[in-house]
Amino acid sequence: MDQDMIDGIKEYLRERYGDNVPSFPRILQEDLPDFEKATRLNSHNLISALAPLESAGYITIHRGDNQLQEIVINRSFPF
């Protein structure tokens, strides 16, 4: 698992929520540009880069209409 990816997600959540991160933070489709910037990814490699985190149970990816709809950060994510 890529620690840089985990650190990028933590950075994104800190920037977005500050100290008030909800129990299950969501990254919606409209939030993806900021998320991609924080994690240093792009729309071409985002899903494949997140796959190990999804397999580990740290995140849940919701897809629809052949595109990513949202990413949910699960409680098991290593904050």
N, C-alpha and C. Protein backbone atom coordinates (compact mmCIF):
# COMPACT_ATOMS: atom_id res chain seq x y z
N MET A 1 0.84 -1.17 0.00
CA MET A 1 0.00 0.00 0.00
C MET A 1 0.89 1.23 0.00
N ASP A 2 0.47 2.24 -0.69
CA ASP A 2 1.26 3.44 -0.89
C ASP A 2 1.02 4.44 0.24
N GLN A 3 2.02 4.65 1.08
CA GLN A 3 1.89 5.59 2.19
C GLN A 3 1.69 7.01 1.68
N ASP A 4 2.27 7.34 0.52
CA ASP A 4 2.06 8.67 -0.05
C ASP A 4 0.58 8.91 -0.37
N MET A 5 -0.11 7.88 -0.83
CA MET A 5 -1.53 7.99 -1.13
C MET A 5 -2.31 8.25 0.17
N ILE A 6 -2.01 7.50 1.21
CA ILE A 6 -2.68 7.69 2.51
C ILE A 6 -2.41 9.10 3.02
N ASP A 7 -1.17 9.54 2.93
CA ASP A 7 -0.82 10.89 3.38
C ASP A 7 -1.54 11.96 2.57
N GLY A 8 -1.68 11.74 1.25
CA GLY A 8 -2.40 12.68 0.40
C GLY A 8 -3.86 12.78 0.78
N ILE A 9 -4.47 11.64 1.11
CA ILE A 9 -5.88 11.64 1.53
C ILE A 9 -6.01 12.36 2.86
N LYS A 10 -5.10 12.12 3.79
CA LYS A 10 -5.14 12.81 5.08
C LYS A 10 -5.02 14.32 4.88
N GLU A 11 -4.12 14.73 4.00
CA GLU A 11 -3.93 16.16 3.71
C GLU A 11 -5.21 16.77 3.14
N TYR A 12 -5.81 16.06 2.20
CA TYR A 12 -7.05 16.54 1.60
C TYR A 12 -8.14 16.70 2.67
N LEU A 13 -8.29 15.70 3.54
CA LEU A 13 -9.31 15.77 4.58
C LEU A 13 -9.04 16.90 5.56
N ARG A 14 -7.78 17.13 5.92
CA ARG A 14 -7.43 18.25 6.82
C ARG A 14 -7.78 19.58 6.18
N GLU A 15 -7.45 19.72 4.89
CA GLU A 15 -7.74 20.98 4.19
C GLU A 15 -9.25 21.21 4.06
N ARG A 16 -9.98 20.15 3.82
CA ARG A 16 -11.42 20.29 3.60
C ARG A 16 -12.21 20.45 4.89
N TYR A 17 -11.86 19.67 5.91
CA TYR A 17 -12.67 19.64 7.14
C TYR A 17 -12.00 20.25 8.36
N GLY A 18 -10.70 20.49 8.32
CA GLY A 18 -10.00 20.97 9.50
C GLY A 18 -10.02 19.90 10.58
N ASP A 19 -10.38 20.29 11.79
CA ASP A 19 -10.43 19.34 12.91
C ASP A 19 -11.78 18.64 13.03
N ASN A 20 -12.70 18.92 12.14
CA ASN A 20 -14.06 18.39 12.25
C ASN A 20 -14.36 17.37 11.15
N VAL A 21 -13.51 16.39 10.99
CA VAL A 21 -13.71 15.36 9.97
C VAL A 21 -14.89 14.49 10.38
N PRO A 22 -15.91 14.33 9.51
CA PRO A 22 -17.06 13.48 9.86
C PRO A 22 -16.66 12.01 9.95
N SER A 23 -17.54 11.21 10.51
CA SER A 23 -17.26 9.79 10.69
C SER A 23 -16.97 9.08 9.37
N PHE A 24 -17.73 9.40 8.36
CA PHE A 24 -17.54 8.80 7.03
C PHE A 24 -17.44 9.91 6.00
N PRO A 25 -16.28 10.58 5.92
CA PRO A 25 -16.16 11.67 4.94
C PRO A 25 -16.33 11.15 3.52
N ARG A 26 -16.96 11.95 2.69
CA ARG A 26 -17.22 11.59 1.31
C ARG A 26 -16.52 12.56 0.37
N ILE A 27 -15.99 12.00 -0.69
CA ILE A 27 -15.40 12.80 -1.75
C ILE A 27 -16.30 12.60 -2.95
N LEU A 28 -17.06 13.62 -3.28
CA LEU A 28 -18.03 13.53 -4.36
C LEU A 28 -17.37 13.81 -5.70
N GLN A 29 -18.08 13.51 -6.75
CA GLN A 29 -17.54 13.67 -8.10
C GLN A 29 -17.06 15.11 -8.32
N GLU A 30 -17.81 16.09 -7.83
CA GLU A 30 -17.41 17.49 -8.03
C GLU A 30 -16.19 17.88 -7.20
N ASP A 31 -15.85 17.07 -6.20
CA ASP A 31 -14.66 17.32 -5.37
C ASP A 31 -13.40 16.69 -5.94
N LEU A 32 -13.54 15.87 -6.98
CA LEU A 32 -12.41 15.10 -7.49
C LEU A 32 -11.22 15.95 -7.93
N PRO A 33 -11.41 17.10 -8.59
CA PRO A 33 -10.22 17.88 -8.97
C PRO A 33 -9.33 18.24 -7.79
N ASP A 34 -9.91 18.68 -6.67
CA ASP A 34 -9.13 19.00 -5.48
C ASP A 34 -8.50 17.75 -4.87
N PHE A 35 -9.27 16.66 -4.87
CA PHE A 35 -8.76 15.40 -4.33
C PHE A 35 -7.59 14.89 -5.17
N GLU A 36 -7.73 14.95 -6.49
CA GLU A 36 -6.66 14.51 -7.38
C GLU A 36 -5.40 15.34 -7.16
N LYS A 37 -5.57 16.62 -6.97
CA LYS A 37 -4.42 17.50 -6.72
C LYS A 37 -3.71 17.12 -5.42
N ALA A 38 -4.49 16.88 -4.36
CA ALA A 38 -3.91 16.54 -3.06
C ALA A 38 -3.20 15.20 -3.08
N THR A 39 -3.72 14.26 -3.85
CA THR A 39 -3.13 12.92 -3.90
C THR A 39 -2.16 12.74 -5.06
N ARG A 40 -1.99 13.81 -5.85
CA ARG A 40 -1.09 13.79 -7.01
C ARG A 40 -1.49 12.72 -8.03
N LEU A 41 -2.78 12.57 -8.23
CA LEU A 41 -3.30 11.62 -9.21
C LEU A 41 -4.07 12.37 -10.27
N ASN A 42 -4.54 11.65 -11.27
CA ASN A 42 -5.41 12.23 -12.28
C ASN A 42 -6.51 11.23 -12.60
N SER A 43 -7.45 11.65 -13.41
CA SER A 43 -8.60 10.82 -13.70
C SER A 43 -8.22 9.50 -14.38
N HIS A 44 -7.05 9.44 -14.99
CA HIS A 44 -6.64 8.22 -15.69
C HIS A 44 -6.11 7.15 -14.74
N ASN A 45 -5.51 7.54 -13.63
CA ASN A 45 -4.94 6.53 -12.73
C ASN A 45 -5.59 6.51 -11.34
N LEU A 46 -6.61 7.28 -11.14
CA LEU A 46 -7.23 7.39 -9.82
C LEU A 46 -7.79 6.06 -9.33
N ILE A 47 -8.62 5.41 -10.11
CA ILE A 47 -9.27 4.17 -9.68
C ILE A 47 -8.23 3.09 -9.39
N SER A 48 -7.27 2.91 -10.27
CA SER A 48 -6.26 1.86 -10.06
C SER A 48 -5.39 2.18 -8.85
N ALA A 49 -5.11 3.45 -8.60
CA ALA A 49 -4.30 3.83 -7.45
C ALA A 49 -5.06 3.62 -6.14
N LEU A 50 -6.37 3.79 -6.17
CA LEU A 50 -7.18 3.62 -4.96
C LEU A 50 -7.56 2.17 -4.69
N ALA A 51 -7.39 1.30 -5.67
CA ALA A 51 -7.80 -0.10 -5.52
C ALA A 51 -7.21 -0.79 -4.29
N PRO A 52 -5.90 -0.62 -3.97
CA PRO A 52 -5.38 -1.28 -2.77
C PRO A 52 -6.04 -0.78 -1.48
N LEU A 53 -6.40 0.50 -1.44
CA LEU A 53 -7.07 1.04 -0.25
C LEU A 53 -8.49 0.49 -0.14
N GLU A 54 -9.13 0.30 -1.28
CA GLU A 54 -10.47 -0.29 -1.26
C GLU A 54 -10.40 -1.75 -0.84
N SER A 55 -9.42 -2.47 -1.35
CA SER A 55 -9.24 -3.88 -0.97
C SER A 55 -8.95 -4.04 0.52
N ALA A 56 -8.24 -3.08 1.09
CA ALA A 56 -7.91 -3.12 2.52
C ALA A 56 -9.09 -2.70 3.39
N GLY A 57 -10.17 -2.20 2.77
CA GLY A 57 -11.33 -1.77 3.53
C GLY A 57 -11.25 -0.35 4.05
N TYR A 58 -10.23 0.40 3.63
CA TYR A 58 -10.07 1.78 4.09
C TYR A 58 -11.02 2.74 3.42
N ILE A 59 -11.41 2.44 2.18
CA ILE A 59 -12.32 3.30 1.44
C ILE A 59 -13.35 2.43 0.71
N THR A 60 -14.44 3.08 0.32
CA THR A 60 -15.44 2.45 -0.53
C THR A 60 -15.63 3.36 -1.73
N ILE A 61 -15.55 2.79 -2.92
CA ILE A 61 -15.73 3.56 -4.14
C ILE A 61 -17.08 3.22 -4.74
N HIS A 62 -17.88 4.26 -4.97
CA HIS A 62 -19.19 4.08 -5.61
C HIS A 62 -19.06 4.55 -7.05
N ARG A 63 -19.48 3.68 -7.96
CA ARG A 63 -19.41 3.98 -9.39
C ARG A 63 -20.81 4.00 -9.97
N GLY A 64 -20.97 4.76 -11.02
CA GLY A 64 -22.24 4.81 -11.72
C GLY A 64 -22.04 5.47 -13.07
N ASP A 65 -22.81 5.06 -14.05
CA ASP A 65 -22.69 5.61 -15.40
C ASP A 65 -21.25 5.54 -15.91
N ASN A 66 -20.57 4.44 -15.59
CA ASN A 66 -19.19 4.21 -16.02
C ASN A 66 -18.20 5.26 -15.52
N GLN A 67 -18.50 5.86 -14.39
CA GLN A 67 -17.56 6.81 -13.81
C GLN A 67 -17.67 6.80 -12.29
N LEU A 68 -16.67 7.32 -11.65
CA LEU A 68 -16.64 7.38 -10.20
C LEU A 68 -17.67 8.40 -9.72
N GLN A 69 -18.50 8.01 -8.78
CA GLN A 69 -19.51 8.91 -8.23
C GLN A 69 -19.07 9.51 -6.90
N GLU A 70 -18.50 8.67 -6.04
CA GLU A 70 -18.00 9.17 -4.75
C GLU A 70 -17.04 8.17 -4.15
N ILE A 71 -16.22 8.69 -3.26
CA ILE A 71 -15.31 7.87 -2.46
C ILE A 71 -15.69 8.12 -1.01
N VAL A 72 -15.93 7.05 -0.27
CA VAL A 72 -16.25 7.16 1.15
C VAL A 72 -15.04 6.66 1.94
N ILE A 73 -14.58 7.48 2.86
CA ILE A 73 -13.47 7.10 3.73
C ILE A 73 -14.06 6.35 4.92
N ASN A 74 -13.71 5.10 5.07
CA ASN A 74 -14.25 4.25 6.13
C ASN A 74 -13.54 4.50 7.46
N ARG A 75 -14.17 4.08 8.53
CA ARG A 75 -13.59 4.26 9.86
C ARG A 75 -12.27 3.52 10.04
N SER A 76 -12.05 2.50 9.23
CA SER A 76 -10.80 1.74 9.34
C SER A 76 -9.62 2.47 8.71
N PHE A 77 -9.85 3.60 8.05
CA PHE A 77 -8.76 4.36 7.43
C PHE A 77 -7.77 4.79 8.51
N PRO A 78 -6.47 4.63 8.26
CA PRO A 78 -5.46 4.94 9.29
C PRO A 78 -5.21 6.44 9.45
N PHE A 79 -6.05 7.09 10.25
CA PHE A 79 -5.92 8.53 10.47
C PHE A 79 -4.73 8.85 11.33
